[in-house]
Amino acid sequence: MLGVVLLIWSLLPVYNMLLIALDPEEGEIEFAGNLWPAEPSFSGFRDVVTQEARYLEDFWHQFGNSLYIGLATMVLTVLIGSLASFAVSRLRLSKGSMLTNVALLTYAIPASFLIVPFYRIVHGYGLSDNLWAVIAAQVTFATPFAILILQLYGSFIPLELDDSARVDGASPIQMYLRIYLPLMIPALAVVAIYALLLAWNDYLYQAVLLSLRNMTVSMTQGQLFADVDAEWNAMMAAAIIYVLPPIALLFALRRYVAASLTMVNARA
């Protein structure tokens, strides 16, 4: 029963988004107390796809920017996290645990406090109003968690596999590509989903580091609060379209995520 209550509570905002998106009166149904539009319409979705709604004239360009930031953050986080966790846990570095602990200390400082120094850093490197400035910030915040998760999962893999590979003459790169990565796929899937969601849900760093020329969908949604007569149905339709890529990734990797959770629970 508790699970049902939590599921309803989690899906309630999504239902509200869909309710407003299907309202032909630009979202007025939300304030009328109706549970469903009397005449649901897909005009809001049409305005988004054809880029006819206000603030959404460049929706697909903004969607492309969001997708670029999310995918680049995901790939770099998986790459850096897997290399770091492999070096620390499998190559048996003498002070490898210090690397993990120092990285986790970054979570002691709220990300909102770091926006000003981060802005000065990217400005000094000539990355102002550049998508890579946001990508660098998101990778910085996602990598410590990725290293921790990959190290914990990697501890379940016997070290004897590495010793056998060394006896057969395998190099560290061959061990990483042929042994470590194939066995770590479930954990890598979890890290990939986390990194994508972290970048996909970000607003602060995108709003500060990017200008209107390189806007993302989340920045566009933020402009709703500056308009007293916003086209709420079109904006909520854009929000529903915006959440589809993370959902698709989660469904594509759900088998690996389930395998990762099953292995952790079995060892626990």
C-alpha atoms as a PDB file:
ATOM      1  CA  MET A   1       0.000   0.000   0.000  1.00  0.00           C
ATOM      2  CA  LEU A   2       2.866   2.340   0.743  1.00  0.00           C
ATOM      3  CA  GLY A   3       4.310   1.570  -2.695  1.00  0.00           C
ATOM      4  CA  VAL A   4       0.983   2.429  -4.331  1.00  0.00           C
ATOM      5  CA  VAL A   5       0.817   5.737  -2.453  1.00  0.00           C
ATOM      6  CA  LEU A   6       4.375   6.626  -3.498  1.00  0.00           C
ATOM      7  CA  LEU A   7       3.624   5.676  -7.114  1.00  0.00           C
ATOM      8  CA  ILE A   8       0.538   7.895  -7.210  1.00  0.00           C
ATOM      9  CA  TRP A   9       2.426  10.762  -5.589  1.00  0.00           C
ATOM     10  CA  SER A  10       5.260  10.397  -8.128  1.00  0.00           C
ATOM     11  CA  LEU A  11       2.941  10.254 -11.141  1.00  0.00           C
ATOM     12  CA  LEU A  12       0.699  13.120 -10.027  1.00  0.00           C
ATOM     13  CA  PRO A  13       2.909  15.886 -11.526  1.00  0.00           C
ATOM     14  CA  VAL A  14       3.174  13.910 -14.776  1.00  0.00           C
ATOM     15  CA  TYR A  15      -0.604  13.568 -14.903  1.00  0.00           C
ATOM     16  CA  ASN A  16      -0.943  17.311 -14.300  1.00  0.00           C
ATOM     17  CA  MET A  17       1.464  18.017 -17.180  1.00  0.00           C
ATOM     18  CA  LEU A  18      -0.525  15.773 -19.511  1.00  0.00           C
ATOM     19  CA  LEU A  19      -3.812  17.357 -18.371  1.00  0.00           C
ATOM     20  CA  ILE A  20      -2.591  20.841 -19.217  1.00  0.00           C
ATOM     21  CA  ALA A  21      -0.962  19.740 -22.481  1.00  0.00           C
ATOM     22  CA  LEU A  22      -4.255  18.283 -23.754  1.00  0.00           C
ATOM     23  CA  ASP A  23      -6.313  21.329 -22.778  1.00  0.00           C
ATOM     24  CA  PRO A  24      -7.345  23.362 -25.859  1.00  0.00           C
ATOM     25  CA  GLU A  25      -7.819  26.463 -23.684  1.00  0.00           C
ATOM     26  CA  GLU A  26      -4.084  26.899 -23.050  1.00  0.00           C
ATOM     27  CA  GLY A  27      -4.047  25.197 -19.688  1.00  0.00           C
ATOM     28  CA  GLU A  28      -7.087  26.810 -18.083  1.00  0.00           C
ATOM     29  CA  ILE A  29      -8.444  23.402 -17.035  1.00  0.00           C
ATOM     30  CA  GLU A  30      -5.947  23.254 -14.200  1.00  0.00           C
ATOM     31  CA  PHE A  31      -7.703  26.125 -12.488  1.00  0.00           C
ATOM     32  CA  ALA A  32     -11.251  24.820 -13.180  1.00  0.00           C
ATOM     33  CA  GLY A  33     -11.025  21.694 -11.007  1.00  0.00           C
ATOM     34  CA  ASN A  34     -11.666  19.221 -13.845  1.00  0.00           C
ATOM     35  CA  LEU A  35      -9.924  15.856 -13.829  1.00  0.00           C
ATOM     36  CA  TRP A  36      -9.852  15.579 -17.626  1.00  0.00           C
ATOM     37  CA  PRO A  37     -10.500  17.985 -20.531  1.00  0.00           C
ATOM     38  CA  ALA A  38     -14.001  17.728 -21.963  1.00  0.00           C
ATOM     39  CA  GLU A  39     -12.524  17.968 -25.470  1.00  0.00           C
ATOM     40  CA  PRO A  40      -8.841  16.949 -25.314  1.00  0.00           C
ATOM     41  CA  SER A  41      -6.746  18.422 -28.088  1.00  0.00           C
ATOM     42  CA  PHE A  42      -3.249  17.785 -29.425  1.00  0.00           C
ATOM     43  CA  SER A  43      -2.916  21.374 -30.596  1.00  0.00           C
ATOM     44  CA  GLY A  44      -0.261  22.034 -27.956  1.00  0.00           C
ATOM     45  CA  PHE A  45       1.878  19.190 -29.261  1.00  0.00           C
ATOM     46  CA  ARG A  46       1.319  20.392 -32.831  1.00  0.00           C
ATOM     47  CA  ASP A  47       2.488  23.884 -31.898  1.00  0.00           C
ATOM     48  CA  VAL A  48       5.623  22.411 -30.349  1.00  0.00           C
ATOM     49  CA  VAL A  49       6.463  20.143 -33.290  1.00  0.00           C
ATOM     50  CA  THR A  50       5.878  22.943 -35.812  1.00  0.00           C
ATOM     51  CA  GLN A  51       7.588  25.511 -33.509  1.00  0.00           C
ATOM     52  CA  GLU A  52       4.638  27.906 -33.685  1.00  0.00           C
ATOM     53  CA  ALA A  53       4.208  28.493 -29.949  1.00  0.00           C
ATOM     54  CA  ARG A  54       5.678  31.515 -28.191  1.00  0.00           C
ATOM     55  CA  TYR A  55       9.201  30.870 -26.801  1.00  0.00           C
ATOM     56  CA  LEU A  56       9.331  27.651 -28.825  1.00  0.00           C
ATOM     57  CA  GLU A  57      10.308  29.063 -32.231  1.00  0.00           C
ATOM     58  CA  ASP A  58      13.678  27.265 -31.901  1.00  0.00           C
ATOM     59  CA  PHE A  59      12.506  24.261 -29.915  1.00  0.00           C
ATOM     60  CA  TRP A  60      14.314  21.590 -31.921  1.00  0.00           C
ATOM     61  CA  HIS A  61      17.576  23.535 -31.822  1.00  0.00           C
ATOM     62  CA  GLN A  62      17.193  23.872 -28.055  1.00  0.00           C
ATOM     63  CA  PHE A  63      16.284  20.196 -27.791  1.00  0.00           C
ATOM     64  CA  GLY A  64      19.447  19.369 -29.744  1.00  0.00           C
ATOM     65  CA  ASN A  65      21.529  21.434 -27.319  1.00  0.00           C
ATOM     66  CA  SER A  66      20.007  19.596 -24.359  1.00  0.00           C
ATOM     67  CA  LEU A  67      20.589  16.231 -26.030  1.00  0.00           C
ATOM     68  CA  TYR A  68      24.196  17.130 -26.841  1.00  0.00           C
ATOM     69  CA  ILE A  69      24.901  18.178 -23.247  1.00  0.00           C
ATOM     70  CA  GLY A  70      23.200  15.093 -21.808  1.00  0.00           C
ATOM     71  CA  LEU A  71      24.871  12.537 -24.082  1.00  0.00           C
ATOM     72  CA  ALA A  72      28.325  14.131 -23.794  1.00  0.00           C
ATOM     73  CA  THR A  73      28.019  14.226 -20.001  1.00  0.00           C
ATOM     74  CA  MET A  74      26.926  10.589 -19.947  1.00  0.00           C
ATOM     75  CA  VAL A  75      29.751   9.341 -22.184  1.00  0.00           C
ATOM     76  CA  LEU A  76      32.498  11.318 -20.427  1.00  0.00           C
ATOM     77  CA  THR A  77      31.269  10.338 -16.960  1.00  0.00           C
ATOM     78  CA  VAL A  78      31.218   6.649 -17.875  1.00  0.00           C
ATOM     79  CA  LEU A  79      34.658   6.897 -19.496  1.00  0.00           C
ATOM     80  CA  ILE A  80      36.377   8.855 -16.704  1.00  0.00           C
ATOM     81  CA  GLY A  81      34.620   6.968 -13.918  1.00  0.00           C
ATOM     82  CA  SER A  82      35.449   3.543 -15.353  1.00  0.00           C
ATOM     83  CA  LEU A  83      39.093   4.437 -15.974  1.00  0.00           C
ATOM     84  CA  ALA A  84      39.494   5.903 -12.482  1.00  0.00           C
ATOM     85  CA  SER A  85      37.776   2.985 -10.731  1.00  0.00           C
ATOM     86  CA  PHE A  86      39.823   0.487 -12.765  1.00  0.00           C
ATOM     87  CA  ALA A  87      43.065   2.204 -11.833  1.00  0.00           C
ATOM     88  CA  VAL A  88      42.158   2.434  -8.145  1.00  0.00           C
ATOM     89  CA  SER A  89      40.638  -1.000  -7.571  1.00  0.00           C
ATOM     90  CA  ARG A  90      42.207  -3.298 -10.166  1.00  0.00           C
ATOM     91  CA  LEU A  91      45.740  -1.908 -10.481  1.00  0.00           C
ATOM     92  CA  ARG A  92      46.039  -1.808  -6.681  1.00  0.00           C
ATOM     93  CA  LEU A  93      47.416   1.709  -6.324  1.00  0.00           C
ATOM     94  CA  SER A  94      48.988   2.365  -2.948  1.00  0.00           C
ATOM     95  CA  LYS A  95      46.969   5.522  -2.262  1.00  0.00           C
ATOM     96  CA  GLY A  96      44.041   4.836  -4.534  1.00  0.00           C
ATOM     97  CA  SER A  97      41.443   5.137  -1.787  1.00  0.00           C
ATOM     98  CA  MET A  98      42.570   8.728  -1.194  1.00  0.00           C
ATOM     99  CA  LEU A  99      41.504   9.598  -4.741  1.00  0.00           C
ATOM    100  CA  THR A 100      37.973   8.344  -4.094  1.00  0.00           C
ATOM    101  CA  ASN A 101      37.660  10.041  -0.715  1.00  0.00           C
ATOM    102  CA  VAL A 102      38.922  13.394  -1.979  1.00  0.00           C
ATOM    103  CA  ALA A 103      36.538  13.239  -4.939  1.00  0.00           C
ATOM    104  CA  LEU A 104      33.584  12.565  -2.645  1.00  0.00           C
ATOM    105  CA  LEU A 105      34.482  15.627  -0.557  1.00  0.00           C
ATOM    106  CA  THR A 106      33.250  17.777  -3.435  1.00  0.00           C
ATOM    107  CA  TYR A 107      29.689  16.788  -2.492  1.00  0.00           C
ATOM    108  CA  ALA A 108      30.136  18.541   0.856  1.00  0.00           C
ATOM    109  CA  ILE A 109      29.797  21.882  -0.978  1.00  0.00           C
ATOM    110  CA  PRO A 110      26.411  22.594  -2.613  1.00  0.00           C
ATOM    111  CA  ALA A 111      26.646  22.939  -6.376  1.00  0.00           C
ATOM    112  CA  SER A 112      24.874  26.304  -6.223  1.00  0.00           C
ATOM    113  CA  PHE A 113      27.774  27.720  -4.186  1.00  0.00           C
ATOM    114  CA  LEU A 114      30.256  26.787  -6.910  1.00  0.00           C
ATOM    115  CA  ILE A 115      28.514  28.549  -9.779  1.00  0.00           C
ATOM    116  CA  VAL A 116      30.413  31.852  -9.371  1.00  0.00           C
ATOM    117  CA  PRO A 117      33.946  30.375  -9.227  1.00  0.00           C
ATOM    118  CA  PHE A 118      33.032  27.955 -11.987  1.00  0.00           C
ATOM    119  CA  TYR A 119      31.836  30.853 -14.132  1.00  0.00           C
ATOM    120  CA  ARG A 120      35.155  32.638 -13.628  1.00  0.00           C
ATOM    121  CA  ILE A 121      37.077  29.469 -14.516  1.00  0.00           C
ATOM    122  CA  VAL A 122      35.227  28.839 -17.784  1.00  0.00           C
ATOM    123  CA  HIS A 123      35.494  32.524 -18.660  1.00  0.00           C
ATOM    124  CA  GLY A 124      39.247  32.349 -18.126  1.00  0.00           C
ATOM    125  CA  TYR A 125      39.503  29.354 -20.456  1.00  0.00           C
ATOM    126  CA  GLY A 126      37.430  31.068 -23.143  1.00  0.00           C
ATOM    127  CA  LEU A 127      34.426  28.754 -22.750  1.00  0.00           C
ATOM    128  CA  SER A 128      31.854  31.438 -22.010  1.00  0.00           C
ATOM    129  CA  ASP A 129      28.516  30.738 -23.714  1.00  0.00           C
ATOM    130  CA  ASN A 130      29.781  27.308 -24.778  1.00  0.00           C
ATOM    131  CA  LEU A 131      27.956  24.014 -24.337  1.00  0.00           C
ATOM    132  CA  TRP A 132      31.212  22.428 -23.183  1.00  0.00           C
ATOM    133  CA  ALA A 133      31.246  24.685 -20.129  1.00  0.00           C
ATOM    134  CA  VAL A 134      28.011  23.069 -18.937  1.00  0.00           C
ATOM    135  CA  ILE A 135      29.281  19.614 -19.891  1.00  0.00           C
ATOM    136  CA  ALA A 136      32.475  20.136 -17.871  1.00  0.00           C
ATOM    137  CA  ALA A 137      30.446  21.218 -14.838  1.00  0.00           C
ATOM    138  CA  GLN A 138      28.083  18.240 -15.005  1.00  0.00           C
ATOM    139  CA  VAL A 139      30.912  15.744 -15.518  1.00  0.00           C
ATOM    140  CA  THR A 140      32.659  17.240 -12.498  1.00  0.00           C
ATOM    141  CA  PHE A 141      29.606  16.652 -10.319  1.00  0.00           C
ATOM    142  CA  ALA A 142      28.773  13.195 -11.691  1.00  0.00           C
ATOM    143  CA  THR A 143      32.236  11.588 -11.718  1.00  0.00           C
ATOM    144  CA  PRO A 144      32.775  11.129  -7.920  1.00  0.00           C
ATOM    145  CA  PHE A 145      29.502   9.233  -7.615  1.00  0.00           C
ATOM    146  CA  ALA A 146      30.377   7.191 -10.697  1.00  0.00           C
ATOM    147  CA  ILE A 147      33.754   6.194  -9.238  1.00  0.00           C
ATOM    148  CA  LEU A 148      32.125   5.158  -5.958  1.00  0.00           C
ATOM    149  CA  ILE A 149      29.433   3.027  -7.625  1.00  0.00           C
ATOM    150  CA  LEU A 150      31.894   1.378 -10.005  1.00  0.00           C
ATOM    151  CA  GLN A 151      34.332   0.622  -7.203  1.00  0.00           C
ATOM    152  CA  LEU A 152      31.627  -0.976  -5.084  1.00  0.00           C
ATOM    153  CA  TYR A 153      30.393  -3.092  -7.972  1.00  0.00           C
ATOM    154  CA  GLY A 154      33.939  -3.933  -9.074  1.00  0.00           C
ATOM    155  CA  SER A 155      34.696  -5.343  -5.631  1.00  0.00           C
ATOM    156  CA  PHE A 156      32.351  -8.237  -6.495  1.00  0.00           C
ATOM    157  CA  ILE A 157      34.610  -9.267  -9.403  1.00  0.00           C
ATOM    158  CA  PRO A 158      37.376 -11.679  -8.272  1.00  0.00           C
ATOM    159  CA  LEU A 159      40.893 -10.312  -8.558  1.00  0.00           C
ATOM    160  CA  GLU A 160      42.008 -13.751  -9.700  1.00  0.00           C
ATOM    161  CA  LEU A 161      40.668 -12.892 -13.149  1.00  0.00           C
ATOM    162  CA  ASP A 162      43.189 -10.065 -13.380  1.00  0.00           C
ATOM    163  CA  ASP A 163      46.011 -12.313 -12.161  1.00  0.00           C
ATOM    164  CA  SER A 164      45.133 -14.910 -14.793  1.00  0.00           C
ATOM    165  CA  ALA A 165      45.121 -12.251 -17.493  1.00  0.00           C
ATOM    166  CA  ARG A 166      48.539 -10.989 -16.390  1.00  0.00           C
ATOM    167  CA  VAL A 167      49.904 -14.527 -16.525  1.00  0.00           C
ATOM    168  CA  ASP A 168      48.630 -14.790 -20.108  1.00  0.00           C
ATOM    169  CA  GLY A 169      50.489 -11.576 -20.948  1.00  0.00           C
ATOM    170  CA  ALA A 170      47.556  -9.152 -21.026  1.00  0.00           C
ATOM    171  CA  SER A 171      48.389  -5.462 -20.693  1.00  0.00           C
ATOM    172  CA  PRO A 172      46.413  -3.122 -18.417  1.00  0.00           C
ATOM    173  CA  ILE A 173      44.592  -1.739 -21.463  1.00  0.00           C
ATOM    174  CA  GLN A 174      43.612  -5.248 -22.579  1.00  0.00           C
ATOM    175  CA  MET A 175      42.423  -6.062 -19.064  1.00  0.00           C
ATOM    176  CA  TYR A 176      40.336  -2.903 -19.043  1.00  0.00           C
ATOM    177  CA  LEU A 177      38.746  -3.516 -22.443  1.00  0.00           C
ATOM    178  CA  ARG A 178      38.320  -7.307 -22.413  1.00  0.00           C
ATOM    179  CA  ILE A 179      37.706  -8.123 -18.745  1.00  0.00           C
ATOM    180  CA  TYR A 180      36.749  -5.056 -16.730  1.00  0.00           C
ATOM    181  CA  LEU A 181      34.269  -3.331 -19.076  1.00  0.00           C
ATOM    182  CA  PRO A 182      32.274  -6.447 -20.108  1.00  0.00           C
ATOM    183  CA  LEU A 183      31.831  -7.485 -16.474  1.00  0.00           C
ATOM    184  CA  MET A 184      30.935  -3.951 -15.380  1.00  0.00           C
ATOM    185  CA  ILE A 185      28.131  -3.338 -17.897  1.00  0.00           C
ATOM    186  CA  PRO A 186      25.308  -3.375 -15.265  1.00  0.00           C
ATOM    187  CA  ALA A 187      27.108  -0.786 -13.113  1.00  0.00           C
ATOM    188  CA  LEU A 188      28.026   1.276 -16.175  1.00  0.00           C
ATOM    189  CA  ALA A 189      24.328   1.367 -17.117  1.00  0.00           C
ATOM    190  CA  VAL A 190      23.450   2.766 -13.684  1.00  0.00           C
ATOM    191  CA  VAL A 191      26.166   5.419 -13.978  1.00  0.00           C
ATOM    192  CA  ALA A 192      25.062   6.329 -17.506  1.00  0.00           C
ATOM    193  CA  ILE A 193      21.460   6.880 -16.405  1.00  0.00           C
ATOM    194  CA  TYR A 194      22.547   8.927 -13.397  1.00  0.00           C
ATOM    195  CA  ALA A 195      24.837  11.167 -15.461  1.00  0.00           C
ATOM    196  CA  LEU A 196      22.212  11.763 -18.137  1.00  0.00           C
ATOM    197  CA  LEU A 197      19.523  12.627 -15.590  1.00  0.00           C
ATOM    198  CA  LEU A 198      21.886  14.953 -13.743  1.00  0.00           C
ATOM    199  CA  ALA A 199      22.584  16.956 -16.901  1.00  0.00           C
ATOM    200  CA  TRP A 200      19.011  16.659 -18.186  1.00  0.00           C
ATOM    201  CA  ASN A 201      17.471  18.088 -15.010  1.00  0.00           C
ATOM    202  CA  ASP A 202      19.965  20.928 -14.578  1.00  0.00           C
ATOM    203  CA  TYR A 203      18.788  24.509 -14.928  1.00  0.00           C
ATOM    204  CA  LEU A 204      21.141  26.661 -12.847  1.00  0.00           C
ATOM    205  CA  TYR A 205      24.394  26.043 -14.709  1.00  0.00           C
ATOM    206  CA  GLN A 206      22.736  26.220 -18.105  1.00  0.00           C
ATOM    207  CA  ALA A 207      21.032  29.506 -17.266  1.00  0.00           C
ATOM    208  CA  VAL A 208      24.245  31.084 -15.936  1.00  0.00           C
ATOM    209  CA  LEU A 209      26.810  29.722 -18.399  1.00  0.00           C
ATOM    210  CA  LEU A 210      24.759  29.941 -21.610  1.00  0.00           C
ATOM    211  CA  SER A 211      23.164  32.870 -23.421  1.00  0.00           C
ATOM    212  CA  LEU A 212      19.902  33.003 -25.352  1.00  0.00           C
ATOM    213  CA  ARG A 213      21.785  31.962 -28.493  1.00  0.00           C
ATOM    214  CA  ASN A 214      22.604  28.558 -26.991  1.00  0.00           C
ATOM    215  CA  MET A 215      19.455  28.026 -24.959  1.00  0.00           C
ATOM    216  CA  THR A 216      18.305  24.592 -23.852  1.00  0.00           C
ATOM    217  CA  VAL A 217      14.771  23.330 -23.274  1.00  0.00           C
ATOM    218  CA  SER A 218      15.067  23.687 -19.500  1.00  0.00           C
ATOM    219  CA  MET A 219      16.063  27.344 -19.919  1.00  0.00           C
ATOM    220  CA  THR A 220      13.034  27.902 -22.158  1.00  0.00           C
ATOM    221  CA  GLN A 221      10.742  26.337 -19.579  1.00  0.00           C
ATOM    222  CA  GLY A 222      12.159  28.743 -17.010  1.00  0.00           C
ATOM    223  CA  GLN A 223      10.869  31.676 -19.057  1.00  0.00           C
ATOM    224  CA  LEU A 224       7.314  30.624 -18.232  1.00  0.00           C
ATOM    225  CA  PHE A 225       7.541  32.433 -14.927  1.00  0.00           C
ATOM    226  CA  ALA A 226       8.371  35.711 -16.669  1.00  0.00           C
ATOM    227  CA  ASP A 227       5.224  35.634 -18.841  1.00  0.00           C
ATOM    228  CA  VAL A 228       1.833  36.477 -17.361  1.00  0.00           C
ATOM    229  CA  ASP A 229       0.039  34.955 -20.362  1.00  0.00           C
ATOM    230  CA  ALA A 230       2.122  31.916 -21.260  1.00  0.00           C
ATOM    231  CA  GLU A 231       0.838  29.196 -23.573  1.00  0.00           C
ATOM    232  CA  TRP A 232       0.779  26.590 -20.849  1.00  0.00           C
ATOM    233  CA  ASN A 233      -0.561  23.764 -22.991  1.00  0.00           C
ATOM    234  CA  ALA A 234       2.285  24.121 -25.500  1.00  0.00           C
ATOM    235  CA  MET A 235       4.886  24.479 -22.768  1.00  0.00           C
ATOM    236  CA  MET A 236       3.651  21.354 -20.973  1.00  0.00           C
ATOM    237  CA  ALA A 237       3.583  19.491 -24.291  1.00  0.00           C
ATOM    238  CA  ALA A 238       7.222  20.524 -24.774  1.00  0.00           C
ATOM    239  CA  ALA A 239       8.001  19.291 -21.261  1.00  0.00           C
ATOM    240  CA  ILE A 240       6.454  15.881 -22.023  1.00  0.00           C
ATOM    241  CA  ILE A 241       8.521  15.593 -25.207  1.00  0.00           C
ATOM    242  CA  TYR A 242      11.584  16.669 -23.241  1.00  0.00           C
ATOM    243  CA  VAL A 243      11.294  13.795 -20.745  1.00  0.00           C
ATOM    244  CA  LEU A 244      11.100  11.108 -23.425  1.00  0.00           C
ATOM    245  CA  PRO A 245      14.875  10.563 -24.009  1.00  0.00           C
ATOM    246  CA  PRO A 246      15.677   9.697 -20.352  1.00  0.00           C
ATOM    247  CA  ILE A 247      12.664   7.384 -20.238  1.00  0.00           C
ATOM    248  CA  ALA A 248      13.811   5.686 -23.444  1.00  0.00           C
ATOM    249  CA  LEU A 249      17.323   5.230 -22.034  1.00  0.00           C
ATOM    250  CA  LEU A 250      15.951   3.787 -18.809  1.00  0.00           C
ATOM    251  CA  PHE A 251      13.825   1.271 -20.696  1.00  0.00           C
ATOM    252  CA  ALA A 252      16.746   0.373 -22.955  1.00  0.00           C
ATOM    253  CA  LEU A 253      19.061  -0.291 -19.993  1.00  0.00           C
ATOM    254  CA  ARG A 254      16.522  -1.614 -17.501  1.00  0.00           C
ATOM    255  CA  ARG A 255      17.793  -5.185 -17.893  1.00  0.00           C
ATOM    256  CA  TYR A 256      21.320  -4.153 -16.893  1.00  0.00           C
ATOM    257  CA  VAL A 257      20.061  -2.001 -14.025  1.00  0.00           C
ATOM    258  CA  ALA A 258      18.042  -4.934 -12.684  1.00  0.00           C
ATOM    259  CA  ALA A 259      21.098  -7.180 -12.985  1.00  0.00           C
ATOM    260  CA  SER A 260      23.193  -4.660 -11.047  1.00  0.00           C
ATOM    261  CA  LEU A 261      20.652  -4.402  -8.225  1.00  0.00           C
ATOM    262  CA  THR A 262      20.248  -8.177  -8.107  1.00  0.00           C
ATOM    263  CA  MET A 263      23.985  -8.725  -7.770  1.00  0.00           C
ATOM    264  CA  VAL A 264      24.316  -6.107  -5.010  1.00  0.00           C
ATOM    265  CA  ASN A 265      21.389  -7.595  -3.061  1.00  0.00           C
ATOM    266  CA  ALA A 266      22.757 -11.115  -3.463  1.00  0.00           C
ATOM    267  CA  ARG A 267      26.140 -10.103  -2.054  1.00  0.00           C
ATOM    268  CA  ALA A 268      24.487  -8.103   0.753  1.00  0.00           C
END
